[in-house]
């Protein structure tokens, strides 16, 4: 039996009509929250999911500063990036990231769980993360639906 692949006009119908969801990160565990957000961005929970199309929804995350880490991650987890120059390794502990840029902690966790392919950048643009609740006011026109994870 062959796998059905959408073509032509059906592709347009799959990629149109994206929904908007609001996720409250207050008290949520970082990893579990990130996996569920990544599934929504990819569109895996939809019956018309197609791997080579961007059929996911938009996600707005609020209260990123109140996300929870389990175990000793708050003391042990370190974000690393390299400038490309000799001695250009930068290491930032997650405790400092949570104080300065709590939205980046969730963004990095979610982007790490998206597939590394050509659709990744499109899916990443559909994620909006805010440290407090004021970010929700920016997207009131899209009428995002609250979702519990």
N, C-alpha and C. Protein backbone atom coordinates (compact mmCIF):
# COMPACT_ATOMS: atom_id res chain seq x y z
N UNK A 1 0.84 -1.17 0.00
CA UNK A 1 0.00 0.00 0.00
C UNK A 1 0.89 1.24 0.00
N UNK A 2 0.59 2.20 -0.84
CA UNK A 2 1.39 3.41 -0.96
C UNK A 2 0.95 4.46 0.05
N UNK A 3 1.88 5.32 0.40
CA UNK A 3 1.59 6.43 1.30
C UNK A 3 1.01 7.57 0.51
N UNK A 4 -0.05 8.18 1.05
CA UNK A 4 -0.68 9.30 0.38
C UNK A 4 0.14 10.57 0.59
N UNK A 5 0.41 11.30 -0.47
CA UNK A 5 1.16 12.55 -0.41
C UNK A 5 0.30 13.64 -1.03
N UNK A 6 0.07 14.71 -0.27
CA UNK A 6 -0.76 15.82 -0.76
C UNK A 6 -0.02 16.58 -1.85
N UNK A 7 -0.75 17.02 -2.88
CA UNK A 7 -0.17 17.77 -3.99
C UNK A 7 -1.14 18.85 -4.43
N UNK A 8 -0.60 19.88 -5.06
CA UNK A 8 -1.42 20.92 -5.67
C UNK A 8 -2.23 21.73 -4.70
N UNK A 9 -3.53 21.83 -4.93
CA UNK A 9 -4.42 22.64 -4.13
C UNK A 9 -4.52 22.14 -2.69
N UNK A 10 -4.36 20.85 -2.50
CA UNK A 10 -4.43 20.29 -1.15
C UNK A 10 -3.29 20.80 -0.28
N UNK A 11 -2.14 21.07 -0.87
CA UNK A 11 -1.01 21.60 -0.12
C UNK A 11 -1.36 22.99 0.42
N UNK A 12 -2.00 23.82 -0.39
CA UNK A 12 -2.39 25.15 0.06
C UNK A 12 -3.38 25.07 1.22
N UNK A 13 -4.30 24.13 1.15
CA UNK A 13 -5.27 23.98 2.23
C UNK A 13 -4.61 23.53 3.52
N UNK A 14 -3.57 22.71 3.42
CA UNK A 14 -2.88 22.24 4.62
C UNK A 14 -2.08 23.34 5.29
N UNK A 15 -1.51 24.24 4.50
CA UNK A 15 -0.65 25.27 5.07
C UNK A 15 -1.41 26.52 5.48
N UNK A 16 -2.66 26.68 5.06
CA UNK A 16 -3.46 27.84 5.45
C UNK A 16 -4.22 27.58 6.74
N UNK A 17 -4.69 28.66 7.35
CA UNK A 17 -5.55 28.52 8.52
C UNK A 17 -4.83 28.06 9.76
N UNK A 18 -3.69 28.65 10.05
CA UNK A 18 -2.95 28.25 11.24
C UNK A 18 -3.62 28.84 12.49
N UNK A 19 -3.66 28.05 13.53
CA UNK A 19 -4.24 28.49 14.80
C UNK A 19 -3.16 29.13 15.66
N UNK A 20 -3.60 29.87 16.66
CA UNK A 20 -2.71 30.50 17.63
C UNK A 20 -3.04 29.92 19.01
N UNK A 21 -2.00 29.54 19.76
CA UNK A 21 -2.19 28.99 21.09
C UNK A 21 -1.33 29.76 22.09
N UNK A 22 -1.83 29.86 23.32
CA UNK A 22 -1.09 30.48 24.42
C UNK A 22 -0.76 29.39 25.42
N UNK A 23 0.51 29.33 25.83
CA UNK A 23 0.97 28.37 26.82
C UNK A 23 1.50 29.15 28.01
N UNK A 24 1.01 28.84 29.19
CA UNK A 24 1.50 29.47 30.41
C UNK A 24 2.58 28.56 31.01
N UNK A 25 3.81 29.07 31.10
CA UNK A 25 4.93 28.28 31.58
C UNK A 25 5.08 28.30 33.10
N UNK A 26 4.14 28.89 33.80
CA UNK A 26 4.21 29.02 35.25
C UNK A 26 4.19 27.65 35.91
N UNK A 27 5.30 27.26 36.54
CA UNK A 27 5.39 26.00 37.25
C UNK A 27 5.60 24.77 36.38
N UNK A 28 5.73 24.94 35.07
CA UNK A 28 5.93 23.80 34.16
C UNK A 28 7.41 23.40 34.14
N UNK A 29 7.68 22.12 33.95
CA UNK A 29 9.04 21.63 33.83
C UNK A 29 9.54 21.95 32.41
N UNK A 30 10.75 22.47 32.31
CA UNK A 30 11.28 23.00 31.05
C UNK A 30 11.26 21.98 29.91
N UNK A 31 11.79 20.79 30.13
CA UNK A 31 11.89 19.80 29.06
C UNK A 31 10.55 19.30 28.57
N UNK A 32 9.64 19.03 29.49
CA UNK A 32 8.31 18.55 29.11
C UNK A 32 7.52 19.62 28.37
N UNK A 33 7.68 20.86 28.82
CA UNK A 33 7.03 21.98 28.15
C UNK A 33 7.56 22.14 26.73
N UNK A 34 8.88 22.03 26.58
CA UNK A 34 9.52 22.23 25.27
C UNK A 34 9.10 21.15 24.27
N UNK A 35 8.97 19.90 24.71
CA UNK A 35 8.58 18.84 23.77
C UNK A 35 7.15 19.04 23.28
N UNK A 36 6.26 19.47 24.16
CA UNK A 36 4.88 19.68 23.75
C UNK A 36 4.74 20.87 22.82
N UNK A 37 5.50 21.93 23.09
CA UNK A 37 5.48 23.10 22.20
C UNK A 37 6.04 22.73 20.84
N UNK A 38 7.11 21.94 20.81
CA UNK A 38 7.71 21.53 19.53
C UNK A 38 6.72 20.71 18.70
N UNK A 39 5.95 19.84 19.34
CA UNK A 39 4.95 19.05 18.60
C UNK A 39 3.88 19.94 17.98
N UNK A 40 3.49 21.00 18.69
CA UNK A 40 2.49 21.93 18.14
C UNK A 40 3.08 22.69 16.95
N UNK A 41 4.33 23.14 17.07
CA UNK A 41 4.97 23.89 15.98
C UNK A 41 5.14 23.02 14.74
N UNK A 42 5.44 21.76 14.92
CA UNK A 42 5.62 20.84 13.79
C UNK A 42 4.28 20.47 13.18
N UNK A 43 3.24 20.37 14.02
CA UNK A 43 1.92 19.97 13.54
C UNK A 43 1.68 18.48 13.66
N UNK A 44 2.44 17.81 14.51
CA UNK A 44 2.36 16.35 14.64
C UNK A 44 1.00 15.89 15.17
N UNK A 45 0.31 16.73 15.93
CA UNK A 45 -0.95 16.32 16.53
C UNK A 45 -2.14 16.48 15.59
N UNK A 46 -1.91 17.04 14.42
CA UNK A 46 -3.01 17.25 13.47
C UNK A 46 -3.21 16.01 12.60
N UNK A 47 -4.44 15.73 12.23
CA UNK A 47 -4.68 14.57 11.37
C UNK A 47 -4.13 14.77 9.96
N UNK A 48 -3.97 16.00 9.50
CA UNK A 48 -3.45 16.25 8.15
C UNK A 48 -1.95 16.51 8.16
N UNK A 49 -1.23 16.04 9.17
CA UNK A 49 0.22 16.23 9.25
C UNK A 49 0.92 15.63 8.03
N UNK A 50 1.78 16.44 7.44
CA UNK A 50 2.58 16.01 6.30
C UNK A 50 4.03 16.38 6.61
N UNK A 51 4.96 15.43 6.59
CA UNK A 51 6.33 15.69 7.04
C UNK A 51 7.06 16.78 6.26
N UNK A 52 6.80 16.91 4.97
CA UNK A 52 7.57 17.86 4.18
C UNK A 52 6.90 19.23 4.06
N UNK A 53 5.78 19.44 4.77
CA UNK A 53 5.09 20.72 4.75
C UNK A 53 5.08 21.34 6.14
N UNK A 54 5.03 22.66 6.18
CA UNK A 54 4.93 23.36 7.45
C UNK A 54 3.45 23.53 7.78
N UNK A 55 2.88 22.59 8.52
CA UNK A 55 1.45 22.63 8.84
C UNK A 55 1.21 22.82 10.33
N UNK A 56 2.19 23.36 11.05
CA UNK A 56 2.06 23.59 12.48
C UNK A 56 1.35 24.89 12.80
N UNK A 57 1.14 25.14 14.08
CA UNK A 57 0.44 26.31 14.55
C UNK A 57 1.40 27.28 15.23
N UNK A 58 0.91 28.50 15.49
CA UNK A 58 1.69 29.50 16.20
C UNK A 58 1.54 29.28 17.69
N UNK A 59 2.61 29.52 18.46
CA UNK A 59 2.59 29.33 19.91
C UNK A 59 3.15 30.58 20.57
N UNK A 60 2.41 31.10 21.56
CA UNK A 60 2.86 32.22 22.39
C UNK A 60 3.05 31.67 23.79
N UNK A 61 4.27 31.80 24.33
CA UNK A 61 4.58 31.31 25.67
C UNK A 61 4.71 32.51 26.59
N UNK A 62 3.97 32.50 27.69
CA UNK A 62 4.05 33.58 28.67
C UNK A 62 4.60 33.03 29.99
N UNK A 63 5.06 33.93 30.84
CA UNK A 63 5.63 33.59 32.15
C UNK A 63 6.84 32.67 32.03
N UNK A 64 7.74 32.98 31.11
CA UNK A 64 8.94 32.16 30.93
C UNK A 64 9.86 32.22 32.13
N UNK A 65 9.77 33.28 32.91
CA UNK A 65 10.65 33.41 34.08
C UNK A 65 10.27 32.45 35.20
N UNK A 66 9.08 31.86 35.13
CA UNK A 66 8.61 30.98 36.19
C UNK A 66 8.70 29.50 35.82
N UNK A 67 9.44 29.17 34.79
CA UNK A 67 9.59 27.78 34.39
C UNK A 67 10.43 27.05 35.44
N UNK A 68 10.21 25.76 35.58
CA UNK A 68 10.84 24.98 36.63
C UNK A 68 11.88 24.04 36.02
N UNK A 69 12.99 23.85 36.73
CA UNK A 69 14.02 22.90 36.34
C UNK A 69 14.11 21.82 37.41
N UNK A 70 14.27 20.57 36.99
CA UNK A 70 14.32 19.46 37.94
C UNK A 70 15.75 19.06 38.21
N UNK A 71 15.95 18.37 39.30
CA UNK A 71 17.28 17.87 39.65
C UNK A 71 18.24 19.01 39.96
N UNK A 72 19.49 18.84 39.57
CA UNK A 72 20.52 19.84 39.81
C UNK A 72 20.81 20.69 38.58
N UNK A 73 19.86 20.74 37.64
CA UNK A 73 20.10 21.46 36.39
C UNK A 73 20.39 22.94 36.62
N UNK A 74 19.76 23.54 37.62
CA UNK A 74 19.96 24.96 37.88
C UNK A 74 21.41 25.27 38.23
N UNK A 75 22.13 24.28 38.77
CA UNK A 75 23.54 24.47 39.11
C UNK A 75 24.48 23.90 38.07
N UNK A 76 24.06 22.88 37.31
CA UNK A 76 24.97 22.16 36.43
C UNK A 76 24.84 22.49 34.95
N UNK A 77 23.66 22.89 34.49
CA UNK A 77 23.45 23.09 33.05
C UNK A 77 24.16 24.36 32.59
N UNK A 78 24.88 24.24 31.47
CA UNK A 78 25.65 25.36 30.92
C UNK A 78 25.37 25.46 29.43
N UNK A 79 25.07 26.68 28.97
CA UNK A 79 24.91 26.93 27.54
C UNK A 79 26.26 27.33 26.96
N UNK A 80 26.63 26.71 25.84
CA UNK A 80 27.92 26.99 25.22
C UNK A 80 27.72 27.42 23.77
N UNK A 81 28.50 28.39 23.35
CA UNK A 81 28.58 28.74 21.94
C UNK A 81 29.98 29.26 21.65
N UNK A 82 30.40 29.14 20.41
CA UNK A 82 31.76 29.48 20.01
C UNK A 82 31.73 30.52 18.91
N UNK A 83 32.60 31.50 19.01
CA UNK A 83 32.63 32.58 18.03
C UNK A 83 33.34 32.16 16.74
N UNK A 84 34.10 31.09 16.80
CA UNK A 84 34.86 30.65 15.63
C UNK A 84 36.31 31.08 15.69
N UNK A 85 36.64 31.97 16.59
CA UNK A 85 38.03 32.41 16.76
C UNK A 85 38.69 31.59 17.86
N UNK A 86 40.02 31.49 17.85
CA UNK A 86 40.71 30.75 18.92
C UNK A 86 40.39 31.35 20.29
N UNK A 87 40.01 30.50 21.21
CA UNK A 87 39.66 30.96 22.55
C UNK A 87 38.30 31.63 22.62
N UNK A 88 37.45 31.39 21.64
CA UNK A 88 36.17 32.07 21.56
C UNK A 88 35.00 31.31 22.16
N UNK A 89 35.27 30.35 23.04
CA UNK A 89 34.20 29.58 23.67
C UNK A 89 33.56 30.41 24.78
N UNK A 90 32.25 30.57 24.70
CA UNK A 90 31.50 31.30 25.73
C UNK A 90 30.63 30.29 26.48
N UNK A 91 30.68 30.33 27.79
CA UNK A 91 29.87 29.45 28.61
C UNK A 91 29.03 30.30 29.56
N UNK A 92 27.71 30.06 29.54
CA UNK A 92 26.80 30.81 30.39
C UNK A 92 25.98 29.81 31.20
N UNK A 93 26.06 29.85 32.52
CA UNK A 93 25.24 28.94 33.33
C UNK A 93 23.75 29.30 33.21
N UNK A 94 22.91 28.30 33.37
CA UNK A 94 21.48 28.52 33.19
C UNK A 94 20.92 29.44 34.28
N UNK A 95 21.54 29.48 35.44
CA UNK A 95 21.09 30.38 36.50
C UNK A 95 21.18 31.84 36.04
N UNK A 96 22.28 32.20 35.38
CA UNK A 96 22.44 33.56 34.88
C UNK A 96 21.51 33.84 33.71
N UNK A 97 21.29 32.82 32.86
CA UNK A 97 20.36 33.00 31.74
C UNK A 97 18.93 33.23 32.25
N UNK A 98 18.54 32.53 33.31
CA UNK A 98 17.19 32.70 33.86
C UNK A 98 17.02 34.10 34.45
N UNK A 99 18.08 34.68 34.98
CA UNK A 99 18.00 36.03 35.54
C UNK A 99 17.95 37.08 34.45
N UNK A 100 18.77 36.92 33.42
CA UNK A 100 18.91 37.95 32.39
C UNK A 100 17.94 37.78 31.22
N UNK A 101 17.83 36.56 30.69
CA UNK A 101 17.00 36.30 29.51
C UNK A 101 16.21 35.01 29.68
N UNK A 102 15.16 35.02 30.49
CA UNK A 102 14.40 33.78 30.70
C UNK A 102 13.70 33.28 29.44
N UNK A 103 13.38 34.18 28.51
CA UNK A 103 12.72 33.75 27.28
C UNK A 103 13.66 32.93 26.41
N UNK A 104 14.95 33.22 26.44
CA UNK A 104 15.91 32.48 25.63
C UNK A 104 16.09 31.04 26.10
N UNK A 105 15.87 30.80 27.38
CA UNK A 105 16.00 29.43 27.90
C UNK A 105 14.95 28.53 27.26
N UNK A 106 13.71 29.01 27.21
CA UNK A 106 12.64 28.21 26.59
C UNK A 106 12.85 28.11 25.09
N UNK A 107 13.24 29.22 24.46
CA UNK A 107 13.47 29.21 23.01
C UNK A 107 14.55 28.19 22.62
N UNK A 108 15.65 28.16 23.35
CA UNK A 108 16.73 27.21 23.05
C UNK A 108 16.27 25.77 23.25
N UNK A 109 15.47 25.53 24.30
CA UNK A 109 14.99 24.17 24.55
C UNK A 109 14.06 23.70 23.44
N UNK A 110 13.17 24.58 22.97
CA UNK A 110 12.22 24.20 21.92
C UNK A 110 12.94 24.03 20.59
N UNK A 111 13.82 24.95 20.24
CA UNK A 111 14.52 24.86 18.96
C UNK A 111 15.42 23.63 18.90
N UNK A 112 15.93 23.20 20.04
CA UNK A 112 16.73 21.98 20.07
C UNK A 112 15.92 20.73 19.79
N UNK A 113 14.60 20.82 19.96
CA UNK A 113 13.73 19.67 19.74
C UNK A 113 13.03 19.68 18.38
N UNK A 114 13.25 20.73 17.61
CA UNK A 114 12.71 20.75 16.25
C UNK A 114 13.65 19.98 15.33
N UNK A 115 13.12 19.36 14.27
CA UNK A 115 13.99 18.65 13.34
C UNK A 115 14.96 19.60 12.64
N UNK A 116 16.17 19.15 12.44
CA UNK A 116 17.19 19.98 11.81
C UNK A 116 17.07 19.82 10.29
N UNK A 117 16.13 20.58 9.69
CA UNK A 117 15.93 20.53 8.25
C UNK A 117 15.57 21.92 7.75
N UNK A 118 15.15 22.03 6.50
CA UNK A 118 14.89 23.33 5.90
C UNK A 118 13.64 24.01 6.45
N UNK A 119 12.75 23.27 7.11
CA UNK A 119 11.54 23.86 7.67
C UNK A 119 11.77 24.43 9.07
N UNK A 120 12.95 24.19 9.63
CA UNK A 120 13.21 24.60 11.01
C UNK A 120 13.08 26.11 11.20
N UNK A 121 13.60 26.91 10.30
CA UNK A 121 13.55 28.36 10.44
C UNK A 121 12.11 28.87 10.37
N UNK A 122 11.30 28.30 9.48
CA UNK A 122 9.89 28.70 9.40
C UNK A 122 9.15 28.36 10.69
N UNK A 123 9.42 27.19 11.22
CA UNK A 123 8.76 26.77 12.45
C UNK A 123 9.22 27.62 13.63
N UNK A 124 10.48 28.00 13.64
CA UNK A 124 11.01 28.81 14.74
C UNK A 124 10.38 30.20 14.75
N UNK A 125 10.00 30.72 13.60
CA UNK A 125 9.38 32.04 13.54
C UNK A 125 7.98 32.04 14.14
N UNK A 126 7.38 30.86 14.27
CA UNK A 126 6.02 30.77 14.81
C UNK A 126 6.01 30.65 16.33
N UNK A 127 7.18 30.74 16.95
CA UNK A 127 7.28 30.66 18.41
C UNK A 127 7.57 32.05 18.97
N UNK A 128 6.73 32.49 19.89
CA UNK A 128 6.94 33.76 20.58
C UNK A 128 7.00 33.47 22.07
N UNK A 129 8.08 33.91 22.72
CA UNK A 129 8.28 33.65 24.14
C UNK A 129 8.44 34.98 24.87
N UNK A 130 7.71 35.14 25.97
CA UNK A 130 7.75 36.37 26.76
C UNK A 130 7.99 36.02 28.23
N UNK A 131 8.77 36.86 28.92
CA UNK A 131 9.11 36.61 30.32
C UNK A 131 7.90 36.76 31.22
N UNK A 132 7.02 37.72 30.94
CA UNK A 132 5.85 37.96 31.77
C UNK A 132 4.57 37.74 30.99
N UNK A 133 3.48 38.32 31.50
CA UNK A 133 2.18 38.16 30.85
C UNK A 133 1.87 39.28 29.87
N UNK A 134 2.68 40.34 29.86
CA UNK A 134 2.39 41.48 28.99
C UNK A 134 2.55 41.16 27.51
N UNK A 135 3.32 40.14 27.18
CA UNK A 135 3.50 39.76 25.79
C UNK A 135 2.23 39.28 25.13
N UNK A 136 1.30 38.82 25.94
CA UNK A 136 0.03 38.32 25.40
C UNK A 136 -0.79 39.44 24.77
N UNK A 137 -0.62 40.65 25.26
CA UNK A 137 -1.36 41.79 24.72
C UNK A 137 -0.98 42.10 23.27
N UNK A 138 0.26 41.79 22.89
CA UNK A 138 0.72 42.04 21.52
C UNK A 138 -0.01 41.18 20.50
N UNK A 139 -0.49 40.03 20.93
CA UNK A 139 -1.12 39.09 20.01
C UNK A 139 -2.62 38.94 20.25
N UNK A 140 -3.22 39.96 20.83
CA UNK A 140 -4.66 39.89 21.10
C UNK A 140 -5.48 39.86 19.82
N UNK A 141 -4.96 40.45 18.74
CA UNK A 141 -5.67 40.46 17.46
C UNK A 141 -5.80 39.08 16.84
N UNK A 142 -4.88 38.19 17.14
CA UNK A 142 -4.93 36.83 16.59
C UNK A 142 -5.86 35.93 17.39
N UNK A 143 -6.33 36.41 18.53
CA UNK A 143 -7.22 35.64 19.42
C UNK A 143 -6.66 34.26 19.75
N UNK A 144 -5.51 34.22 20.41
CA UNK A 144 -4.92 32.92 20.73
C UNK A 144 -5.74 32.17 21.77
N UNK A 145 -5.81 30.87 21.60
CA UNK A 145 -6.57 30.01 22.50
C UNK A 145 -5.64 29.47 23.58
N UNK A 146 -6.04 29.55 24.85
CA UNK A 146 -5.19 28.97 25.90
C UNK A 146 -5.18 27.44 25.79
N UNK A 147 -4.02 26.88 26.00
CA UNK A 147 -3.88 25.43 25.92
C UNK A 147 -3.16 24.97 27.19
N UNK A 148 -3.62 23.90 27.78
CA UNK A 148 -2.97 23.35 28.98
C UNK A 148 -2.12 22.16 28.57
N UNK A 149 -0.93 22.16 29.06
CA UNK A 149 0.00 21.07 28.71
C UNK A 149 0.29 20.23 29.90
